[in-house]
Amino acid sequence: VVESGGGLVQPGGSLRLSCAASGFTLDYYHIKWFRQVPGK
């Protein structure tokens, strides 16, 4: 899987992230978004 769509945005703005699959169909799987900040 490959994520895309990140970037710099002002508070109150919007972004759309995408998780694209290669070699399998995502429909068959549970997909979870995580986030991480260094040290947390």
PDB file of all heavy atoms in Angstrom:
ATOM      1  N   VAL A   1       0.848  -1.176   0.000  1.00  0.00           N
ATOM      2  CA  VAL A   1       0.000   0.000   0.000  1.00  0.00           C
ATOM      3  C   VAL A   1       0.888   1.231   0.000  1.00  0.00           C
ATOM      4  O   VAL A   1       1.992   1.221   0.565  1.00  0.00           O
ATOM      5  CB  VAL A   1      -0.976   0.055   1.196  1.00  0.00           C
ATOM      6  CG1 VAL A   1      -2.047  -1.013   1.061  1.00  0.00           C
ATOM      7  CG2 VAL A   1      -0.244  -0.084   2.514  1.00  0.00           C
ATOM      8  N   VAL A   2       0.408   2.300  -0.625  1.00  0.00           N
ATOM      9  CA  VAL A   2       1.133   3.555  -0.721  1.00  0.00           C
ATOM     10  C   VAL A   2       0.189   4.687  -0.361  1.00  0.00           C
ATOM     11  O   VAL A   2      -0.888   4.809  -0.950  1.00  0.00           O
ATOM     12  CB  VAL A   2       1.712   3.768  -2.130  1.00  0.00           C
ATOM     13  CG1 VAL A   2       2.387   5.133  -2.224  1.00  0.00           C
ATOM     14  CG2 VAL A   2       2.696   2.664  -2.486  1.00  0.00           C
ATOM     15  N   GLU A   3       0.611   5.527   0.594  1.00  0.00           N
ATOM     16  CA  GLU A   3      -0.176   6.692   0.991  1.00  0.00           C
ATOM     17  C   GLU A   3       0.207   7.900   0.144  1.00  0.00           C
ATOM     18  O   GLU A   3       1.363   8.046  -0.265  1.00  0.00           O
ATOM     19  CB  GLU A   3       0.051   7.037   2.472  1.00  0.00           C
ATOM     20  CG  GLU A   3      -0.236   5.904   3.445  1.00  0.00           C
ATOM     21  CD  GLU A   3       1.003   5.108   3.795  1.00  0.00           C
ATOM     22  OE1 GLU A   3       1.965   5.092   2.993  1.00  0.00           O
ATOM     23  OE2 GLU A   3       1.019   4.497   4.880  1.00  0.00           O
ATOM     24  N   SER A   4      -0.763   8.779  -0.074  1.00  0.00           N
ATOM     25  CA  SER A   4      -0.501  10.030  -0.760  1.00  0.00           C
ATOM     26  C   SER A   4      -1.485  11.079  -0.260  1.00  0.00           C
ATOM     27  O   SER A   4      -2.467  10.752   0.400  1.00  0.00           O
ATOM     28  CB  SER A   4      -0.615   9.873  -2.283  1.00  0.00           C
ATOM     29  OG  SER A   4      -1.931   9.505  -2.664  1.00  0.00           O
ATOM     30  N   GLY A   5      -1.214  12.336  -0.576  1.00  0.00           N
ATOM     31  CA  GLY A   5      -2.128  13.419  -0.271  1.00  0.00           C
ATOM     32  C   GLY A   5      -1.717  14.336   0.854  1.00  0.00           C
ATOM     33  O   GLY A   5      -2.378  15.358   1.088  1.00  0.00           O
ATOM     34  N   GLY A   6      -0.647  14.009   1.558  1.00  0.00           N
ATOM     35  CA  GLY A   6      -0.191  14.862   2.638  1.00  0.00           C
ATOM     36  C   GLY A   6       0.396  16.164   2.128  1.00  0.00           C
ATOM     37  O   GLY A   6       0.641  16.345   0.934  1.00  0.00           O
ATOM     38  N   GLY A   7       0.613  17.082   3.052  1.00  0.00           N
ATOM     39  CA  GLY A   7       1.180  18.363   2.698  1.00  0.00           C
ATOM     40  C   GLY A   7       1.029  19.357   3.818  1.00  0.00           C
ATOM     41  O   GLY A   7       0.709  19.007   4.956  1.00  0.00           O
ATOM     42  N   LEU A   8       1.267  20.618   3.497  1.00  0.00           N
ATOM     43  CA  LEU A   8       1.155  21.728   4.441  1.00  0.00           C
ATOM     44  C   LEU A   8      -0.176  22.431   4.238  1.00  0.00           C
ATOM     45  O   LEU A   8      -0.528  22.801   3.113  1.00  0.00           O
ATOM     46  CB  LEU A   8       2.304  22.710   4.232  1.00  0.00           C
ATOM     47  CG  LEU A   8       2.278  24.001   5.046  1.00  0.00           C
ATOM     48  CD1 LEU A   8       2.394  23.697   6.536  1.00  0.00           C
ATOM     49  CD2 LEU A   8       3.394  24.929   4.592  1.00  0.00           C
ATOM     50  N   VAL A   9      -0.913  22.620   5.328  1.00  0.00           N
ATOM     51  CA  VAL A   9      -2.214  23.265   5.263  1.00  0.00           C
ATOM     52  C   VAL A   9      -2.388  24.153   6.491  1.00  0.00           C
ATOM     53  O   VAL A   9      -1.841  23.866   7.562  1.00  0.00           O
ATOM     54  CB  VAL A   9      -3.344  22.215   5.160  1.00  0.00           C
ATOM     55  CG1 VAL A   9      -3.410  21.364   6.417  1.00  0.00           C
ATOM     56  CG2 VAL A   9      -4.680  22.869   4.865  1.00  0.00           C
ATOM     57  N   GLN A  10      -3.134  25.241   6.336  1.00  0.00           N
ATOM     58  CA  GLN A  10      -3.411  26.125   7.459  1.00  0.00           C
ATOM     59  C   GLN A  10      -4.492  25.544   8.362  1.00  0.00           C
ATOM     60  O   GLN A  10      -5.323  24.747   7.920  1.00  0.00           O
ATOM     61  CB  GLN A  10      -3.854  27.497   6.944  1.00  0.00           C
ATOM     62  CG  GLN A  10      -2.768  28.263   6.214  1.00  0.00           C
ATOM     63  CD  GLN A  10      -3.210  29.657   5.828  1.00  0.00           C
ATOM     64  OE1 GLN A  10      -4.397  29.971   5.820  1.00  0.00           O
ATOM     65  NE2 GLN A  10      -2.246  30.506   5.509  1.00  0.00           N
ATOM     66  N   PRO A  11      -4.489  25.919   9.645  1.00  0.00           N
ATOM     67  CA  PRO A  11      -5.577  25.489  10.525  1.00  0.00           C
ATOM     68  C   PRO A  11      -6.934  25.836   9.924  1.00  0.00           C
ATOM     69  O   PRO A  11      -7.128  26.917   9.369  1.00  0.00           O
ATOM     70  CB  PRO A  11      -5.321  26.263  11.815  1.00  0.00           C
ATOM     71  CG  PRO A  11      -3.846  26.499  11.807  1.00  0.00           C
ATOM     72  CD  PRO A  11      -3.482  26.720  10.362  1.00  0.00           C
ATOM     73  N   GLY A  12      -7.861  24.887  10.042  1.00  0.00           N
ATOM     74  CA  GLY A  12      -9.172  25.037   9.451  1.00  0.00           C
ATOM     75  C   GLY A  12      -9.282  24.521   8.035  1.00  0.00           C
ATOM     76  O   GLY A  12     -10.398  24.401   7.515  1.00  0.00           O
ATOM     77  N   GLY A  13      -8.164  24.201   7.414  1.00  0.00           N
ATOM     78  CA  GLY A  13      -8.158  23.703   6.057  1.00  0.00           C
ATOM     79  C   GLY A  13      -8.452  22.221   5.970  1.00  0.00           C
ATOM     80  O   GLY A  13      -8.736  21.558   6.975  1.00  0.00           O
ATOM     81  N   SER A  14      -8.355  21.690   4.751  1.00  0.00           N
ATOM     82  CA  SER A  14      -8.696  20.297   4.479  1.00  0.00           C
ATOM     83  C   SER A  14      -7.623  19.625   3.649  1.00  0.00           C
ATOM     84  O   SER A  14      -6.927  20.268   2.856  1.00  0.00           O
ATOM     85  CB  SER A  14     -10.022  20.202   3.718  1.00  0.00           C
ATOM     86  OG  SER A  14     -11.102  20.709   4.476  1.00  0.00           O
ATOM     87  N   LEU A  15      -7.487  18.319   3.840  1.00  0.00           N
ATOM     88  CA  LEU A  15      -6.666  17.457   3.008  1.00  0.00           C
ATOM     89  C   LEU A  15      -7.400  16.143   2.817  1.00  0.00           C
ATOM     90  O   LEU A  15      -8.191  15.738   3.676  1.00  0.00           O
ATOM     91  CB  LEU A  15      -5.304  17.179   3.642  1.00  0.00           C
ATOM     92  CG  LEU A  15      -4.263  18.291   3.654  1.00  0.00           C
ATOM     93  CD1 LEU A  15      -3.068  17.861   4.497  1.00  0.00           C
ATOM     94  CD2 LEU A  15      -3.817  18.636   2.247  1.00  0.00           C
ATOM     95  N   ARG A  16      -7.111  15.480   1.696  1.00  0.00           N
ATOM     96  CA  ARG A  16      -7.649  14.154   1.447  1.00  0.00           C
ATOM     97  C   ARG A  16      -6.486  13.199   1.222  1.00  0.00           C
ATOM     98  O   ARG A  16      -5.725  13.353   0.265  1.00  0.00           O
ATOM     99  CB  ARG A  16      -8.575  14.155   0.231  1.00  0.00           C
ATOM    100  CG  ARG A  16      -9.325  12.834   0.027  1.00  0.00           C
ATOM    101  CD  ARG A  16     -10.325  12.943  -1.121  1.00  0.00           C
ATOM    102  NE  ARG A  16     -11.106  11.730  -1.301  1.00  0.00           N
ATOM    103  CZ  ARG A  16     -12.248  11.464  -0.690  1.00  0.00           C
ATOM    104  NH1 ARG A  16     -12.771  12.355   0.157  1.00  0.00           N
ATOM    105  NH2 ARG A  16     -12.891  10.323  -0.916  1.00  0.00           N
ATOM    106  N   LEU A  17      -6.339  12.223   2.119  1.00  0.00           N
ATOM    107  CA  LEU A  17      -5.311  11.209   2.006  1.00  0.00           C
ATOM    108  C   LEU A  17      -5.871   9.984   1.305  1.00  0.00           C
ATOM    109  O   LEU A  17      -7.031   9.628   1.495  1.00  0.00           O
ATOM    110  CB  LEU A  17      -4.785  10.805   3.381  1.00  0.00           C
ATOM    111  CG  LEU A  17      -4.298  11.923   4.304  1.00  0.00           C
ATOM    112  CD1 LEU A  17      -3.732  11.318   5.584  1.00  0.00           C
ATOM    113  CD2 LEU A  17      -3.268  12.794   3.603  1.00  0.00           C
ATOM    114  N   SER A  18      -5.032   9.327   0.510  1.00  0.00           N
ATOM    115  CA  SER A  18      -5.422   8.107  -0.170  1.00  0.00           C
ATOM    116  C   SER A  18      -4.450   6.987   0.161  1.00  0.00           C
ATOM    117  O   SER A  18      -3.238   7.206   0.255  1.00  0.00           O
ATOM    118  CB  SER A  18      -5.470   8.303  -1.685  1.00  0.00           C
ATOM    119  OG  SER A  18      -6.535   9.141  -2.068  1.00  0.00           O
ATOM    120  N   CYS A  19      -4.986   5.790   0.332  1.00  0.00           N
ATOM    121  CA  CYS A  19      -4.217   4.566   0.532  1.00  0.00           C
ATOM    122  C   CYS A  19      -4.497   3.682  -0.664  1.00  0.00           C
ATOM    123  O   CYS A  19      -5.618   3.180  -0.828  1.00  0.00           O
ATOM    124  CB  CYS A  19      -4.633   3.888   1.837  1.00  0.00           C
ATOM    125  SG  CYS A  19      -3.867   2.291   2.147  1.00  0.00           S
ATOM    126  N   ALA A  20      -3.502   3.507  -1.521  1.00  0.00           N
ATOM    127  CA  ALA A  20      -3.658   2.763  -2.759  1.00  0.00           C
ATOM    128  C   ALA A  20      -2.995   1.399  -2.641  1.00  0.00           C
ATOM    129  O   ALA A  20      -1.874   1.285  -2.146  1.00  0.00           O
ATOM    130  CB  ALA A  20      -3.055   3.533  -3.927  1.00  0.00           C
ATOM    131  N   ALA A  21      -3.679   0.364  -3.120  1.00  0.00           N
ATOM    132  CA  ALA A  21      -3.186  -1.004  -3.022  1.00  0.00           C
ATOM    133  C   ALA A  21      -2.563  -1.455  -4.334  1.00  0.00           C
ATOM    134  O   ALA A  21      -2.991  -1.054  -5.426  1.00  0.00           O
ATOM    135  CB  ALA A  21      -4.303  -1.963  -2.643  1.00  0.00           C
ATOM    136  N   SER A  22      -1.557  -2.305  -4.204  1.00  0.00           N
ATOM    137  CA  SER A  22      -0.935  -2.966  -5.338  1.00  0.00           C
ATOM    138  C   SER A  22      -0.837  -4.458  -5.033  1.00  0.00           C
ATOM    139  O   SER A  22      -0.335  -4.840  -3.974  1.00  0.00           O
ATOM    140  CB  SER A  22       0.455  -2.394  -5.612  1.00  0.00           C
ATOM    141  OG  SER A  22       1.078  -3.064  -6.689  1.00  0.00           O
ATOM    142  N   GLY A  23      -1.347  -5.285  -5.932  1.00  0.00           N
ATOM    143  CA  GLY A  23      -1.233  -6.724  -5.778  1.00  0.00           C
ATOM    144  C   GLY A  23      -2.370  -7.393  -5.046  1.00  0.00           C
ATOM    145  O   GLY A  23      -2.364  -8.629  -4.914  1.00  0.00           O
ATOM    146  N   PHE A  24      -3.331  -6.625  -4.552  1.00  0.00           N
ATOM    147  CA  PHE A  24      -4.483  -7.216  -3.884  1.00  0.00           C
ATOM    148  C   PHE A  24      -5.629  -6.215  -3.886  1.00  0.00           C
ATOM    149  O   PHE A  24      -5.434  -5.031  -4.180  1.00  0.00           O
ATOM    150  CB  PHE A  24      -4.149  -7.666  -2.453  1.00  0.00           C
ATOM    151  CG  PHE A  24      -3.808  -6.547  -1.518  1.00  0.00           C
ATOM    152  CD1 PHE A  24      -4.731  -6.112  -0.573  1.00  0.00           C
ATOM    153  CD2 PHE A  24      -2.572  -5.926  -1.560  1.00  0.00           C
ATOM    154  CE1 PHE A  24      -4.422  -5.089   0.305  1.00  0.00           C
ATOM    155  CE2 PHE A  24      -2.252  -4.898  -0.688  1.00  0.00           C
ATOM    156  CZ  PHE A  24      -3.181  -4.484   0.244  1.00  0.00           C
ATOM    157  N   THR A  25      -6.809  -6.688  -3.537  1.00  0.00           N
ATOM    158  CA  THR A  25      -8.008  -5.864  -3.518  1.00  0.00           C
ATOM    159  C   THR A  25      -8.306  -5.441  -2.084  1.00  0.00           C
ATOM    160  O   THR A  25      -8.546  -6.282  -1.218  1.00  0.00           O
ATOM    161  CB  THR A  25      -9.197  -6.630  -4.108  1.00  0.00           C
ATOM    162  OG1 THR A  25      -8.910  -6.998  -5.458  1.00  0.00           O
ATOM    163  CG2 THR A  25     -10.449  -5.772  -4.082  1.00  0.00           C
ATOM    164  N   LEU A  26      -8.313  -4.138  -1.847  1.00  0.00           N
ATOM    165  CA  LEU A  26      -8.526  -3.627  -0.494  1.00  0.00           C
ATOM    166  C   LEU A  26      -9.899  -3.979   0.053  1.00  0.00           C
ATOM    167  O   LEU A  26     -10.079  -3.999   1.271  1.00  0.00           O
ATOM    168  CB  LEU A  26      -8.335  -2.109  -0.471  1.00  0.00           C
ATOM    169  CG  LEU A  26      -6.897  -1.589  -0.497  1.00  0.00           C
ATOM    170  CD1 LEU A  26      -6.899  -0.066  -0.469  1.00  0.00           C
ATOM    171  CD2 LEU A  26      -6.099  -2.141   0.664  1.00  0.00           C
ATOM    172  N   ASP A  27     -10.839  -4.226  -0.817  1.00  0.00           N
ATOM    173  CA  ASP A  27     -12.200  -4.540  -0.405  1.00  0.00           C
ATOM    174  C   ASP A  27     -12.261  -5.708   0.576  1.00  0.00           C
ATOM    175  O   ASP A  27     -13.172  -5.771   1.409  1.00  0.00           O
ATOM    176  CB  ASP A  27     -13.036  -4.848  -1.646  1.00  0.00           C
ATOM    177  CG  ASP A  27     -14.503  -5.051  -1.341  1.00  0.00           C
ATOM    178  OD1 ASP A  27     -15.131  -4.105  -0.822  1.00  0.00           O
ATOM    179  OD2 ASP A  27     -15.020  -6.146  -1.636  1.00  0.00           O
ATOM    180  N   TYR A  28     -11.310  -6.631   0.489  1.00  0.00           N
ATOM    181  CA  TYR A  28     -11.327  -7.832   1.325  1.00  0.00           C
ATOM    182  C   TYR A  28     -10.708  -7.618   2.703  1.00  0.00           C
ATOM    183  O   TYR A  28     -10.733  -8.546   3.528  1.00  0.00           O
ATOM    184  CB  TYR A  28     -10.574  -8.972   0.634  1.00  0.00           C
ATOM    185  CG  TYR A  28     -11.161  -9.383  -0.697  1.00  0.00           C
ATOM    186  CD1 TYR A  28     -10.342  -9.533  -1.819  1.00  0.00           C
ATOM    187  CD2 TYR A  28     -12.512  -9.628  -0.833  1.00  0.00           C
ATOM    188  CE1 TYR A  28     -10.869  -9.920  -3.037  1.00  0.00           C
ATOM    189  CE2 TYR A  28     -13.049 -10.014  -2.053  1.00  0.00           C
ATOM    190  CZ  TYR A  28     -12.220 -10.160  -3.149  1.00  0.00           C
ATOM    191  OH  TYR A  28     -12.747 -10.550  -4.360  1.00  0.00           O
ATOM    192  N   TYR A  29     -10.163  -6.454   2.972  1.00  0.00           N
ATOM    193  CA  TYR A  29      -9.375  -6.234   4.172  1.00  0.00           C
ATOM    194  C   TYR A  29      -9.913  -5.084   4.999  1.00  0.00           C
ATOM    195  O   TYR A  29     -10.612  -4.190   4.505  1.00  0.00           O
ATOM    196  CB  TYR A  29      -7.907  -5.963   3.794  1.00  0.00           C
ATOM    197  CG  TYR A  29      -7.267  -7.117   3.081  1.00  0.00           C
ATOM    198  CD1 TYR A  29      -7.307  -7.211   1.697  1.00  0.00           C
ATOM    199  CD2 TYR A  29      -6.626  -8.131   3.798  1.00  0.00           C
ATOM    200  CE1 TYR A  29      -6.732  -8.278   1.043  1.00  0.00           C
ATOM    201  CE2 TYR A  29      -6.048  -9.199   3.136  1.00  0.00           C
ATOM    202  CZ  TYR A  29      -6.109  -9.268   1.764  1.00  0.00           C
ATOM    203  OH  TYR A  29      -5.533 -10.335   1.120  1.00  0.00           O
ATOM    204  N   HIS A  30      -9.553  -5.116   6.281  1.00  0.00           N
ATOM    205  CA  HIS A  30      -9.799  -4.011   7.187  1.00  0.00           C
ATOM    206  C   HIS A  30      -8.630  -3.030   7.059  1.00  0.00           C
ATOM    207  O   HIS A  30      -7.467  -3.422   7.176  1.00  0.00           O
ATOM    208  CB  HIS A  30      -9.908  -4.507   8.629  1.00  0.00           C
ATOM    209  CG  HIS A  30     -10.809  -5.696   8.783  1.00  0.00           C
ATOM    210  ND1 HIS A  30     -12.167  -5.574   9.013  1.00  0.00           N
ATOM    211  CD2 HIS A  30     -10.545  -7.025   8.739  1.00  0.00           C
ATOM    212  CE1 HIS A  30     -12.700  -6.771   9.104  1.00  0.00           C
ATOM    213  NE2 HIS A  30     -11.742  -7.675   8.935  1.00  0.00           N
ATOM    214  N   ILE A  31      -8.942  -1.763   6.836  1.00  0.00           N
ATOM    215  CA  ILE A  31      -7.928  -0.748   6.584  1.00  0.00           C
ATOM    216  C   ILE A  31      -8.004   0.313   7.675  1.00  0.00           C
ATOM    217  O   ILE A  31      -9.068   0.894   7.910  1.00  0.00           O
ATOM    218  CB  ILE A  31      -8.104  -0.096   5.207  1.00  0.00           C
ATOM    219  CG1 ILE A  31      -8.236  -1.166   4.118  1.00  0.00           C
ATOM    220  CG2 ILE A  31      -6.952   0.860   4.918  1.00  0.00           C
ATOM    221  CD1 ILE A  31      -7.030  -2.069   3.993  1.00  0.00           C
ATOM    222  N   LYS A  32      -6.871   0.569   8.304  1.00  0.00           N
ATOM    223  CA  LYS A  32      -6.818   1.529   9.401  1.00  0.00           C
ATOM    224  C   LYS A  32      -5.754   2.586   9.131  1.00  0.00           C
ATOM    225  O   LYS A  32      -4.644   2.271   8.701  1.00  0.00           O
ATOM    226  CB  LYS A  32      -6.506   0.812  10.727  1.00  0.00           C
ATOM    227  CG  LYS A  32      -6.688   1.686  11.961  1.00  0.00           C
ATOM    228  CD  LYS A  32      -6.679   0.847  13.231  1.00  0.00           C
ATOM    229  CE  LYS A  32      -7.007   1.673  14.451  1.00  0.00           C
ATOM    230  NZ  LYS A  32      -7.120   0.828  15.668  1.00  0.00           N
ATOM    231  N   TRP A  33      -6.119   3.833   9.382  1.00  0.00           N
ATOM    232  CA  TRP A  33      -5.179   4.941   9.344  1.00  0.00           C
ATOM    233  C   TRP A  33      -4.635   5.184  10.749  1.00  0.00           C
ATOM    234  O   TRP A  33      -5.401   5.297  11.712  1.00  0.00           O
ATOM    235  CB  TRP A  33      -5.838   6.218   8.830  1.00  0.00           C
ATOM    236  CG  TRP A  33      -6.079   6.231   7.356  1.00  0.00           C
ATOM    237  CD1 TRP A  33      -7.226   5.896   6.709  1.00  0.00           C
ATOM    238  CD2 TRP A  33      -5.145   6.635   6.347  1.00  0.00           C
ATOM    239  NE1 TRP A  33      -7.074   6.057   5.354  1.00  0.00           N
ATOM    240  CE2 TRP A  33      -5.803   6.503   5.110  1.00  0.00           C
ATOM    241  CE3 TRP A  33      -3.817   7.086   6.378  1.00  0.00           C
ATOM    242  CZ2 TRP A  33      -5.178   6.813   3.899  1.00  0.00           C
ATOM    243  CZ3 TRP A  33      -3.195   7.392   5.178  1.00  0.00           C
ATOM    244  CH2 TRP A  33      -3.869   7.251   3.962  1.00  0.00           C
ATOM    245  N   PHE A  34      -3.315   5.265  10.845  1.00  0.00           N
ATOM    246  CA  PHE A  34      -2.613   5.629  12.059  1.00  0.00           C
ATOM    247  C   PHE A  34      -1.872   6.944  11.822  1.00  0.00           C
ATOM    248  O   PHE A  34      -1.602   7.327  10.684  1.00  0.00           O
ATOM    249  CB  PHE A  34      -1.590   4.567  12.462  1.00  0.00           C
ATOM    250  CG  PHE A  34      -2.164   3.234  12.838  1.00  0.00           C
ATOM    251  CD1 PHE A  34      -2.443   2.282  11.872  1.00  0.00           C
ATOM    252  CD2 PHE A  34      -2.402   2.920  14.167  1.00  0.00           C
ATOM    253  CE1 PHE A  34      -2.953   1.046  12.213  1.00  0.00           C
ATOM    254  CE2 PHE A  34      -2.908   1.687  14.525  1.00  0.00           C
ATOM    255  CZ  PHE A  34      -3.188   0.753  13.547  1.00  0.00           C
ATOM    256  N   ARG A  35      -1.503   7.600  12.907  1.00  0.00           N
ATOM    257  CA  ARG A  35      -0.609   8.743  12.810  1.00  0.00           C
ATOM    258  C   ARG A  35       0.395   8.699  13.946  1.00  0.00           C
ATOM    259  O   ARG A  35       0.131   8.144  15.012  1.00  0.00           O
ATOM    260  CB  ARG A  35      -1.369  10.069  12.806  1.00  0.00           C
ATOM    261  CG  ARG A  35      -2.130  10.383  14.089  1.00  0.00           C
ATOM    262  CD  ARG A  35      -2.986  11.635  13.884  1.00  0.00           C
ATOM    263  NE  ARG A  35      -3.711  12.013  15.090  1.00  0.00           N
ATOM    264  CZ  ARG A  35      -4.614  12.979  15.137  1.00  0.00           C
ATOM    265  NH1 ARG A  35      -4.910  13.684  14.049  1.00  0.00           N
ATOM    266  NH2 ARG A  35      -5.233  13.249  16.288  1.00  0.00           N
ATOM    267  N   GLN A  36       1.562   9.301  13.710  1.00  0.00           N
ATOM    268  CA  GLN A  36       2.619   9.248  14.697  1.00  0.00           C
ATOM    269  C   GLN A  36       3.445  10.525  14.660  1.00  0.00           C
ATOM    270  O   GLN A  36       3.788  11.020  13.583  1.00  0.00           O
ATOM    271  CB  GLN A  36       3.527   8.039  14.473  1.00  0.00           C
ATOM    272  CG  GLN A  36       4.526   7.808  15.591  1.00  0.00           C
ATOM    273  CD  GLN A  36       5.173   6.443  15.507  1.00  0.00           C
ATOM    274  OE1 GLN A  36       5.307   5.871  14.432  1.00  0.00           O
ATOM    275  NE2 GLN A  36       5.575   5.919  16.654  1.00  0.00           N
ATOM    276  N   VAL A  37       3.743  11.028  15.843  1.00  0.00           N
ATOM    277  CA  VAL A  37       4.645  12.157  16.034  1.00  0.00           C
ATOM    278  C   VAL A  37       5.889  11.619  16.731  1.00  0.00           C
ATOM    279  O   VAL A  37       5.775  10.789  17.643  1.00  0.00           O
ATOM    280  CB  VAL A  37       3.981  13.258  16.876  1.00  0.00           C
ATOM    281  CG1 VAL A  37       4.950  14.404  17.132  1.00  0.00           C
ATOM    282  CG2 VAL A  37       2.726  13.764  16.193  1.00  0.00           C
ATOM    283  N   PRO A  38       7.092  12.055  16.343  1.00  0.00           N
ATOM    284  CA  PRO A  38       8.293  11.566  17.008  1.00  0.00           C
ATOM    285  C   PRO A  38       8.218  11.712  18.525  1.00  0.00           C
ATOM    286  O   PRO A  38       7.826  12.770  19.038  1.00  0.00           O
ATOM    287  CB  PRO A  38       9.406  12.435  16.416  1.00  0.00           C
ATOM    288  CG  PRO A  38       8.901  12.794  15.058  1.00  0.00           C
ATOM    289  CD  PRO A  38       7.409  12.963  15.225  1.00  0.00           C
ATOM    290  N   GLY A  39       8.575  10.640  19.237  1.00  0.00           N
ATOM    291  CA  GLY A  39       8.548  10.643  20.679  1.00  0.00           C
ATOM    292  C   GLY A  39       7.216  10.294  21.308  1.00  0.00           C
ATOM    293  O   GLY A  39       7.125  10.243  22.539  1.00  0.00           O
ATOM    294  N   LYS A  40       6.192  10.067  20.496  1.00  0.00           N
ATOM    295  CA  LYS A  40       4.876   9.726  21.006  1.00  0.00           C
ATOM    296  C   LYS A  40       4.410   8.389  20.436  1.00  0.00           C
ATOM    297  O   LYS A  40       4.894   7.938  19.399  1.00  0.00           O
ATOM    298  CB  LYS A  40       3.851  10.810  20.660  1.00  0.00           C
ATOM    299  CG  LYS A  40       4.155  12.171  21.261  1.00  0.00           C
ATOM    300  CD  LYS A  40       3.087  13.196  20.907  1.00  0.00           C
ATOM    301  CE  LYS A  40       1.754  12.858  21.537  1.00  0.00           C
ATOM    302  NZ  LYS A  40       0.732  13.910  21.263  1.00  0.00           N
TER     303      LYS A  40
END
